[in-house]
Protein backbone atom coordinates (compact mmCIF):
# COMPACT_ATOMS: atom_id res chain seq x y z
CA MET A 1 -168.69 -32.62 18.74
CA ASN A 2 -171.79 -32.17 19.59
CA ARG A 3 -172.65 -30.71 23.51
CA ARG A 4 -172.04 -34.47 25.51
CA ASP A 5 -167.88 -34.23 24.01
CA ARG A 6 -166.96 -30.90 25.04
CA PRO A 7 -164.78 -31.53 27.97
CA GLU A 8 -165.99 -30.00 31.59
CA ARG A 9 -164.83 -26.66 32.33
CA ARG A 10 -164.54 -25.05 36.23
CA THR A 11 -166.78 -21.89 36.60
CA ARG A 12 -165.94 -19.12 38.70
CA THR A 13 -168.30 -20.22 41.15
CA ASP A 14 -165.78 -23.50 40.75
CA LEU A 15 -162.85 -22.14 41.64
CA ILE A 16 -164.35 -20.18 45.02
CA VAL A 17 -165.61 -23.61 46.71
CA THR A 18 -162.86 -24.92 45.75
CA ALA A 19 -160.63 -22.28 48.00
CA GLY A 20 -163.01 -22.52 50.45
CA LEU A 21 -162.45 -25.78 50.72
CA THR A 22 -158.96 -25.69 51.09
CA ALA A 23 -158.75 -23.10 54.14
CA ALA A 24 -160.87 -25.21 55.97
CA ALA A 25 -159.13 -28.09 55.65
CA LEU A 26 -156.13 -26.08 56.25
CA CYS A 27 -157.84 -24.26 59.78
CA VAL A 28 -158.48 -28.08 60.44
CA ALA A 29 -155.06 -29.13 60.32
CA GLY A 30 -153.85 -26.00 62.48
CA GLY A 31 -156.54 -26.36 64.37
CA THR A 32 -155.45 -29.51 65.31
CA TRP A 33 -151.23 -28.83 65.08
CA LEU A 34 -152.10 -25.93 67.53
CA TYR A 35 -154.05 -27.71 69.84
CA SER A 36 -152.23 -31.07 70.32
CA ASP A 37 -149.03 -32.70 72.57
CA ALA A 38 -146.58 -32.68 69.21
CA ARG A 39 -146.73 -28.65 68.55
CA GLY A 40 -145.30 -27.96 72.31
CA THR A 41 -143.36 -31.26 72.07
CA ASP A 42 -139.26 -31.33 71.48
CA HIS A 43 -138.31 -35.32 71.40
CA THR A 44 -135.08 -36.96 69.72
CA VAL A 45 -134.93 -40.54 69.55
CA ALA A 46 -132.12 -42.63 69.82
CA SER A 47 -129.57 -42.19 66.33
CA ALA A 48 -128.73 -45.77 63.79
CA GLY A 49 -126.90 -47.76 65.70
CA ASP A 50 -127.05 -45.82 69.33
CA ALA A 51 -129.70 -47.71 70.81
CA ILE A 52 -128.52 -48.48 74.20
CA ALA A 53 -127.78 -51.88 75.43
CA PRO A 54 -129.34 -53.99 77.87
CA THR A 55 -126.99 -54.99 81.14
CA ASN A 56 -126.48 -57.73 83.70
CA SER A 57 -124.39 -56.70 87.33
CA ASP A 58 -125.45 -60.23 88.30
CA GLU A 59 -122.44 -61.70 85.42
CA VAL A 60 -119.44 -59.42 87.16
CA GLY A 61 -117.33 -60.07 89.79
CA VAL A 62 -117.28 -58.17 93.16
CA PRO A 63 -115.45 -54.82 92.55
CA THR A 64 -112.57 -54.04 94.25
CA GLY A 65 -112.83 -49.79 93.70
CA VAL A 66 -113.88 -47.65 91.16
CA THR A 67 -113.10 -43.84 88.96
CA GLU A 68 -115.38 -41.50 88.32
CA THR A 69 -116.68 -41.55 84.61
CA TRP A 70 -119.95 -38.96 84.40
CA THR A 71 -121.35 -36.37 86.01
CA THR A 72 -124.32 -34.38 85.11
CA THR A 73 -127.62 -33.13 86.82
CA THR A 74 -131.25 -33.91 87.37
CA ASP A 75 -133.91 -32.55 89.45
CA PRO A 76 -134.15 -34.25 93.27
CA ALA A 77 -137.65 -32.94 93.02
CA ILE A 78 -138.95 -35.16 90.44
CA THR A 79 -136.32 -38.22 90.73
CA PRO A 80 -134.77 -37.72 93.92
CA GLU A 81 -133.32 -41.15 93.62
CA PRO A 82 -131.90 -42.74 90.48
CA LEU A 83 -134.37 -43.93 87.39
CA THR A 84 -132.02 -47.01 85.71
CA MET A 85 -132.88 -49.79 83.96
CA ASP A 86 -131.55 -51.37 80.82
CA GLY A 87 -127.89 -50.19 80.97
CA ALA A 88 -129.77 -46.87 81.10
CA VAL A 89 -130.20 -43.57 83.29
CA ILE A 90 -132.80 -41.00 82.74
CA ARG A 91 -132.15 -37.31 84.05
CA SER A 92 -134.91 -35.20 85.17
CA ASP A 93 -135.78 -31.28 84.40
CA ALA A 94 -138.50 -28.86 84.84
CA HIS A 95 -140.10 -29.81 81.86
CA GLY A 96 -138.40 -33.28 80.21
CA ILE A 97 -136.26 -36.19 80.74
CA THR A 98 -132.78 -37.48 78.92
CA ALA A 99 -131.44 -40.68 78.56
CA LEU A 100 -128.23 -41.30 79.53
CA ASP A 101 -126.30 -44.74 78.68
CA ALA A 102 -124.82 -45.75 81.86
CA SER A 103 -121.26 -46.88 80.68
CA ASP A 104 -120.07 -43.17 79.74
CA GLY A 105 -122.56 -41.04 80.45
CA HIS A 106 -123.52 -39.69 76.88
CA GLU A 107 -127.17 -38.35 75.88
CA VAL A 108 -129.36 -40.60 73.68
CA TRP A 109 -132.54 -39.71 73.35
CA THR A 110 -134.56 -36.47 74.61
CA TYR A 111 -138.45 -35.49 76.00
CA HIS A 112 -139.51 -32.05 75.94
CA ARG A 113 -142.54 -30.59 76.46
CA ASP A 114 -143.84 -26.94 77.44
CA LEU A 115 -145.89 -28.42 80.53
CA ASP A 116 -144.62 -29.35 83.83
CA LEU A 117 -142.79 -33.13 84.68
CA CYS A 118 -144.79 -33.98 87.53
CA GLY A 119 -143.72 -38.05 88.13
CA LEU A 120 -140.74 -40.31 86.76
CA THR A 121 -141.48 -43.83 86.81
CA GLY A 122 -140.33 -47.08 85.21
CA SER A 123 -140.72 -50.46 84.08
CA TRP A 124 -141.01 -53.67 81.79
CA SER A 125 -138.36 -50.97 80.00
CA ARG A 126 -140.20 -48.56 79.61
CA VAL A 127 -139.66 -44.69 80.93
CA VAL A 128 -143.07 -43.22 81.88
CA ALA A 129 -143.03 -39.73 82.10
CA VAL A 130 -146.10 -38.15 83.51
CA TYR A 131 -147.01 -34.41 82.94
CA ASP A 132 -149.33 -31.36 84.55
CA GLY A 133 -152.28 -32.02 82.05
CA PRO A 134 -156.12 -30.67 81.53
CA LYS A 135 -157.18 -33.30 84.18
CA GLY A 136 -154.43 -32.08 86.72
CA CYS A 137 -150.96 -34.77 86.71
CA GLY A 138 -151.96 -37.41 85.37
CA ASP A 139 -150.97 -36.89 81.21
CA ALA A 140 -148.38 -39.66 80.97
CA THR A 141 -146.13 -40.88 77.56
CA SER A 142 -144.56 -44.53 77.71
CA PHE A 143 -140.99 -45.04 76.07
CA ALA A 144 -139.23 -47.68 74.79
CA VAL A 145 -136.16 -47.26 77.11
CA SER A 146 -133.17 -48.16 74.91
CA THR A 147 -134.70 -45.90 72.02
CA GLY A 148 -136.84 -43.27 73.24
CA ARG A 149 -139.93 -44.31 70.89
CA TYR A 150 -143.52 -43.62 71.68
CA VAL A 151 -145.42 -46.67 73.10
CA ASP A 152 -148.54 -45.38 75.57
CA THR A 153 -150.09 -42.55 76.35
CA ARG A 154 -152.95 -41.84 79.05
CA SER A 155 -154.58 -38.63 80.51
CA ALA A 156 -156.02 -40.16 83.63
CA LEU A 157 -157.64 -37.51 86.81
CA ALA A 158 -155.31 -36.83 89.15
CA ALA A 159 -154.57 -34.16 91.84
CA ASP A 160 -151.72 -30.99 91.63
CA THR A 161 -149.49 -33.02 92.94
CA VAL A 162 -148.51 -36.09 92.86
CA THR A 163 -145.98 -38.85 93.65
CA THR A 164 -144.99 -42.12 91.62
CA PHE A 165 -144.29 -45.37 92.52
CA ARG A 166 -143.55 -49.10 90.50
CA SER A 167 -142.95 -52.69 91.22
CA LEU A 168 -141.94 -55.13 88.17
CA ASP A 169 -145.40 -55.49 87.43
CA HIS A 170 -147.65 -52.24 87.83
CA VAL A 171 -146.83 -48.49 87.77
CA GLY A 172 -148.52 -46.54 90.65
CA LEU A 173 -149.76 -42.58 90.79
CA LEU A 174 -150.29 -41.39 94.77
CA SER A 175 -152.04 -38.18 95.86
CA THR A 176 -153.87 -37.33 98.65
CA ASP A 177 -156.72 -38.07 97.63
CA ARG A 178 -156.28 -41.02 95.14
CA VAL A 179 -154.03 -43.48 94.21
CA GLU A 180 -154.17 -45.84 90.92
CA LEU A 181 -152.44 -48.54 89.75
CA TRP A 182 -151.49 -48.84 85.01
CA ARG A 183 -150.21 -52.26 83.64
CA SER A 184 -147.92 -51.70 81.05
CA ASP A 185 -149.90 -50.64 78.05
CA LEU A 186 -150.89 -47.78 80.65
CA VAL A 187 -154.99 -48.92 81.26
CA ARG A 188 -155.50 -48.86 85.29
CA THR A 189 -155.74 -51.66 87.10
CA VAL A 190 -157.23 -50.25 90.51
CA GLU A 191 -158.20 -47.11 91.59
CA ILE A 192 -159.10 -45.82 94.85
CA GLY A 193 -160.44 -42.78 95.83
CA GLN A 194 -161.95 -39.96 93.75
CA SER A 195 -163.83 -41.44 91.56
CA GLU A 196 -163.50 -39.79 87.31
CA ILE A 197 -166.80 -41.24 87.54
CA PRO A 198 -169.12 -39.64 89.87
CA ALA A 199 -171.56 -41.94 89.08
CA LEU A 200 -169.60 -45.09 91.16
CA VAL A 201 -169.16 -42.44 93.98
CA ASP A 202 -170.59 -45.91 95.93
CA ALA A 203 -168.19 -47.95 94.87
CA GLN A 204 -164.64 -45.98 96.47
CA PRO A 205 -165.63 -46.63 100.41
CA THR A 206 -162.52 -44.88 101.02
CA ALA A 207 -162.82 -41.75 99.09
CA ASP A 208 -163.32 -39.46 101.73
CA CYS A 209 -159.69 -40.62 103.06
CA SER A 210 -156.07 -38.95 103.04
CA TYR A 211 -153.70 -41.29 101.51
CA SER A 212 -150.15 -40.38 102.85
CA SER A 213 -148.41 -43.69 100.74
CA ALA A 214 -148.48 -46.77 98.53
CA LEU A 215 -146.37 -49.22 97.46
CA THR A 216 -147.57 -52.55 95.68
CA ARG A 217 -145.89 -55.92 95.16
CA LYS A 218 -147.40 -58.59 92.39
CA GLN A 219 -150.87 -58.58 93.06
CA VAL A 220 -150.95 -56.97 96.19
CA LEU A 221 -151.62 -53.07 96.62
CA ALA A 222 -150.94 -51.63 100.21
CA VAL A 223 -152.24 -48.23 100.94
CA ALA A 224 -152.05 -46.40 104.19
CA MET A 225 -154.40 -43.15 104.60
CA ASP A 226 -155.64 -41.13 107.40
CA CYS A 227 -159.99 -41.73 107.56
CA PRO A 228 -163.18 -39.46 108.86
CA GLY A 229 -164.67 -41.29 112.22
CA ALA A 230 -161.41 -43.71 113.27
CA GLU A 231 -161.04 -44.67 116.52
CA ASP A 232 -158.13 -42.73 118.41
CA GLY A 233 -156.30 -41.27 115.36
CA ASP A 234 -155.62 -44.35 114.59
CA ARG A 235 -154.37 -44.78 110.70
CA THR A 236 -155.81 -47.08 108.02
CA VAL A 237 -153.80 -49.71 106.27
CA ILE A 238 -155.56 -51.59 103.55
CA LEU A 239 -154.23 -54.50 101.39
CA PHE A 240 -156.00 -54.16 97.26
CA ASN A 241 -155.98 -56.39 95.47
CA ALA A 242 -154.06 -54.79 92.46
CA ASP A 243 -155.99 -56.39 89.49
CA PRO A 244 -159.25 -56.34 90.41
CA GLU A 245 -162.23 -58.15 88.60
CA ASP A 246 -163.60 -53.98 87.34
CA ALA A 247 -160.62 -51.34 88.23
CA SER A 248 -163.63 -48.35 89.52
CA GLU A 249 -164.45 -50.96 92.29
CA PRO A 250 -161.54 -51.98 94.74
CA GLU A 251 -161.09 -55.92 96.05
CA VAL A 252 -159.72 -54.97 99.61
CA ASP A 253 -158.00 -58.40 100.70
CA HIS A 254 -158.11 -56.82 104.54
CA GLU A 255 -157.69 -53.91 106.02
CA PHE A 256 -155.73 -52.80 109.83
CA ALA A 257 -156.17 -50.53 111.57
CA VAL A 258 -152.62 -48.76 112.85
CA PRO A 259 -151.05 -46.40 115.42
CA SER A 260 -151.28 -43.01 114.02
CA GLY A 261 -147.96 -41.83 111.96
CA SER A 262 -147.44 -45.37 110.69
CA GLU A 263 -146.16 -45.29 107.41
CA LEU A 264 -145.23 -48.26 104.60
CA VAL A 265 -142.04 -49.05 104.21
CA ALA A 266 -141.62 -52.33 102.08
CA VAL A 267 -143.92 -54.96 100.74
CA GLY A 268 -144.16 -58.02 99.54
CA GLN A 269 -146.39 -60.87 97.77
CA ASP A 270 -148.67 -61.91 100.21
CA ALA A 271 -147.94 -58.93 103.11
CA ALA A 272 -147.02 -55.39 103.39
CA LEU A 273 -144.31 -53.66 106.05
CA ILE A 274 -144.95 -50.48 107.68
CA TYR A 275 -142.94 -48.16 110.67
CA VAL A 276 -144.71 -47.10 113.41
CA PRO A 277 -142.38 -44.18 115.44
CA GLY A 278 -144.05 -44.73 118.89
CA ASN A 279 -142.37 -43.06 121.60
CA GLY A 280 -139.51 -42.55 119.23
CA GLU A 281 -137.12 -44.96 121.57
CA ARG A 282 -136.49 -49.04 120.03
CA ALA A 283 -139.19 -51.39 121.41
CA GLU A 284 -137.51 -53.66 123.79
CA ASP A 285 -139.56 -56.90 122.63
CA ALA A 286 -141.92 -57.67 120.52
CA ASP A 287 -144.89 -57.17 123.13
CA ASP A 288 -143.46 -53.36 123.53
CA GLU A 289 -146.64 -50.99 122.06
CA GLU A 290 -144.99 -48.03 123.06
CA GLY A 291 -141.52 -47.99 121.03
CA SER A 292 -140.94 -47.52 117.64
CA ARG A 293 -141.69 -51.09 115.83
CA PHE A 294 -142.07 -52.51 112.14
CA GLN A 295 -145.36 -54.10 111.92
CA VAL A 296 -145.91 -56.82 108.95
CA LEU A 297 -149.41 -56.92 107.54
CA ARG A 298 -151.06 -59.83 106.05
CA THR A 299 -153.01 -60.56 103.44
CA ASP A 300 -154.52 -62.95 105.75
CA GLY A 301 -155.79 -60.67 108.03
CA THR A 302 -152.50 -61.40 110.59
CA PHE A 303 -149.91 -59.64 111.27
CA GLU A 304 -146.36 -60.07 113.15
CA GLN A 305 -144.44 -56.94 115.12
CA TYR A 306 -140.33 -56.08 115.54
CA PRO A 307 -138.41 -54.09 117.50
CA ALA A 308 -136.53 -51.19 115.88
CA ASP A 309 -134.55 -48.03 115.54
CA PRO A 310 -135.92 -45.02 115.62
CA SER A 311 -136.10 -43.37 112.67
CA SER A 312 -134.40 -39.67 111.53
CA LEU A 313 -137.74 -39.05 108.54
CA LEU A 314 -140.55 -39.90 110.48
CA PRO A 315 -142.73 -39.21 112.83
CA ARG A 316 -142.45 -36.09 109.41
CA ALA A 317 -143.08 -32.63 109.64
CA SER A 318 -146.81 -32.06 109.71
CA ASP A 319 -146.67 -29.60 106.50
CA VAL A 320 -145.79 -32.88 104.39
CA ASP A 321 -148.41 -35.08 103.00
CA LEU A 322 -146.95 -37.88 101.17
CA PHE A 323 -144.35 -40.88 102.53
CA ILE A 324 -142.33 -41.58 100.10
CA PRO A 325 -139.86 -44.46 101.11
CA GLN A 326 -136.24 -45.06 100.05
CA THR A 327 -136.52 -48.59 99.30
CA ALA A 328 -134.86 -51.04 96.66
CA ASP A 329 -135.53 -54.41 95.88
CA LEU A 330 -132.51 -56.59 96.27
CA PRO A 331 -131.95 -60.78 94.55
CA HIS A 332 -132.47 -61.38 98.28
CA HIS A 333 -133.97 -58.56 100.54
CA MET A 334 -136.62 -55.68 100.37
CA THR A 335 -134.69 -52.39 101.99
CA TRP A 336 -135.91 -49.44 103.79
CA PHE A 337 -133.01 -46.40 104.35
CA ASP A 338 -134.73 -45.32 107.46
CA GLY A 339 -132.31 -41.75 107.45
CA GLU A 340 -129.34 -42.93 109.08
CA GLN A 341 -128.78 -47.20 108.18
CA VAL A 342 -130.18 -49.61 105.18
CA VAL A 343 -132.54 -52.27 106.61
CA ALA A 344 -132.65 -55.51 105.15
CA PHE A 345 -135.96 -57.48 104.90
CA GLY A 346 -136.74 -60.86 103.59
CA PRO A 347 -138.40 -60.56 100.46
CA THR A 348 -141.59 -63.54 101.46
CA ASP A 349 -141.68 -63.07 105.55
CA LEU A 350 -140.46 -59.19 105.20
CA ASP A 351 -138.59 -60.16 108.63
CA PRO A 352 -135.86 -57.50 109.77
CA ARG A 353 -132.63 -59.44 108.77
CA PHE A 354 -129.37 -56.91 108.79
CA SER A 355 -129.30 -53.41 108.85
CA VAL A 356 -126.12 -51.23 107.94
CA PRO A 357 -125.08 -47.93 108.45
CA ALA A 358 -125.01 -45.84 105.20
CA LEU A 359 -125.74 -42.66 103.13
CA GLY A 360 -128.86 -44.38 101.17
CA THR A 361 -129.80 -47.40 99.87
CA GLY A 362 -127.34 -49.57 97.54
CA ALA A 363 -127.46 -51.90 94.97
CA ALA A 364 -126.99 -55.50 94.01
CA MET A 365 -123.44 -56.19 92.27
CA GLY A 366 -121.39 -59.35 91.54
CA GLY A 367 -123.55 -61.17 94.40
CA ARG A 368 -123.03 -58.50 96.73
CA LEU A 369 -124.58 -55.00 98.05
CA LEU A 370 -123.16 -52.19 97.69
CA LEU A 371 -124.23 -48.84 99.84
CA PRO A 372 -123.12 -45.86 99.65
CA VAL A 373 -121.09 -44.89 103.30
CA ASP A 374 -118.96 -42.08 104.43
CA GLY A 375 -116.08 -41.52 102.33
CA GLY A 376 -116.67 -44.49 99.52
CA ILE A 377 -119.23 -47.58 98.74
CA ALA A 378 -119.14 -50.17 101.19
CA VAL A 379 -119.17 -54.02 99.66
CA VAL A 380 -121.37 -56.25 101.82
CA ASP A 381 -122.36 -59.21 102.48
CA TRP A 382 -126.05 -59.69 102.04
CA SER A 383 -126.01 -63.34 104.15
CA ASP A 384 -125.56 -60.89 107.34
CA GLY A 385 -124.84 -57.94 106.80
CA HIS A 386 -121.30 -57.55 107.16
CA ILE A 387 -118.81 -54.78 105.52
CA GLU A 388 -116.39 -56.52 103.64
CA ASN A 389 -114.79 -53.54 101.70
CA VAL A 390 -114.99 -50.22 100.87
CA LEU A 391 -114.36 -48.58 98.19
CA PRO A 392 -113.26 -44.85 98.49
CA VAL A 393 -115.45 -42.40 96.66
CA ASP A 394 -113.77 -38.36 96.86
CA ARG A 395 -117.58 -36.66 96.82
CA GLY A 396 -115.74 -33.25 97.43
CA ASP A 397 -117.21 -31.21 100.09
CA TRP A 398 -121.07 -32.91 99.38
CA THR A 399 -122.06 -33.81 102.98
CA GLY A 400 -126.06 -35.08 102.69
CA PRO A 401 -127.87 -38.39 101.52
CA VAL A 402 -126.10 -40.06 98.47
CA THR A 403 -128.48 -42.80 96.69
CA LEU A 404 -126.91 -45.49 94.74
CA ARG A 405 -127.38 -47.80 91.88
CA VAL A 406 -125.66 -50.46 89.57
CA GLN A 407 -125.63 -50.49 85.61
CA GLY A 408 -123.47 -53.62 84.09
CA THR A 409 -120.22 -52.35 85.46
CA THR A 410 -121.49 -48.68 86.52
CA VAL A 411 -122.52 -47.53 89.78
CA ILE A 412 -124.60 -43.93 89.88
CA GLU A 413 -124.67 -42.06 92.40
CA GLN A 414 -127.46 -39.73 93.29
CA ARG A 415 -126.06 -36.84 95.38
CA GLY A 416 -128.89 -33.86 95.59
CA ALA A 417 -128.80 -32.31 92.29
CA ASP A 418 -125.46 -34.45 90.90
CA LEU A 419 -125.67 -37.86 89.40
CA VAL A 420 -122.49 -39.10 88.45
CA GLY A 421 -120.87 -42.45 87.21
CA LEU A 422 -118.50 -44.76 88.90
CA THR A 423 -116.72 -47.36 86.66
CA ALA A 424 -116.03 -50.52 88.68
CA GLN A 425 -112.87 -52.29 88.40
CA PHE A 426 -112.08 -55.57 89.30
CA ALA A 427 -109.13 -57.58 90.67
């Protein structure tokens, strides 16, 4: 065999080089894992055949009674109201979330990280968890609500204290110095306030303002804020386009100067509704500029005013920065819990239609409005607000607020940190 036909032999140098390359590759892989989200993540998805099925509470009848079926706990600082959708109830704790099947309360999937959970919201059949990441509370991940499988992620500039808000079209993140909206793939559609790109600071005329509340619906993003130079301590409410041509350059539909202490409590397709605390007494009529009242602010610059009962939620303590209105979007009304009663507004004009004394917000079932009240659940005719029946509920020694949601034939009540599933009965 001549020299060219001899088989190749590995030399000592070859072995050293190979070992070095292998070690380097392992170091890269280990470093990637060490600094990746996966290192501190515990994620279980739905097992085969256990995906949560969507429900429809409109197709059931009017309930004649309820029976407690399951109980669990949640973190009211993260989820002050039940987060429910498509047959699921999402409970929270300091570091993660657990999805329950609303029908019986059993756990279907979980997600936890070694980071603090800042906020939780959802839309588009997806749950969005927001964590305290490298740029503040803006490290977001979305999951399919039925299975818990990953959908999208984003890492956004955010403050250390945020709250979330949502509509059928967007989810939002609110802090005192920044507001932004995300669409279903968590791509930002608009940002207001402190900019991630300092060069674009001129595109943010309200960057020096302090934001207090925000709501969105369709193409409207309404934000209440306190800005330097406002006359006589007036607050500013701006109606923005929720989907501007450039996400970093807000488009203003109209700007309003409103009385100090006013906050957003409802939003429609072309308007927003604020509550004005005034002097703490109900305004006598639509022309009363001193009493408690609602103001409807429209994108075309017009507004209307309605008398309102004084709210125990406003004015707030001076050490509270963000106002989170307790709202519910019903088939024929927008509603707000003012601390003593649920007020229902027309979905388009946002005119007050009726009010019902209650312990918190409610939900629709079988063509009726269910509201938590002392001793049970009121069945309300939403055409005029009169109570047709009260379904008894034993809440033990709980005497605080109660927030109610519905999934299929299950009524979910949140009482502080307790979540309770109540199965509806029908005649």
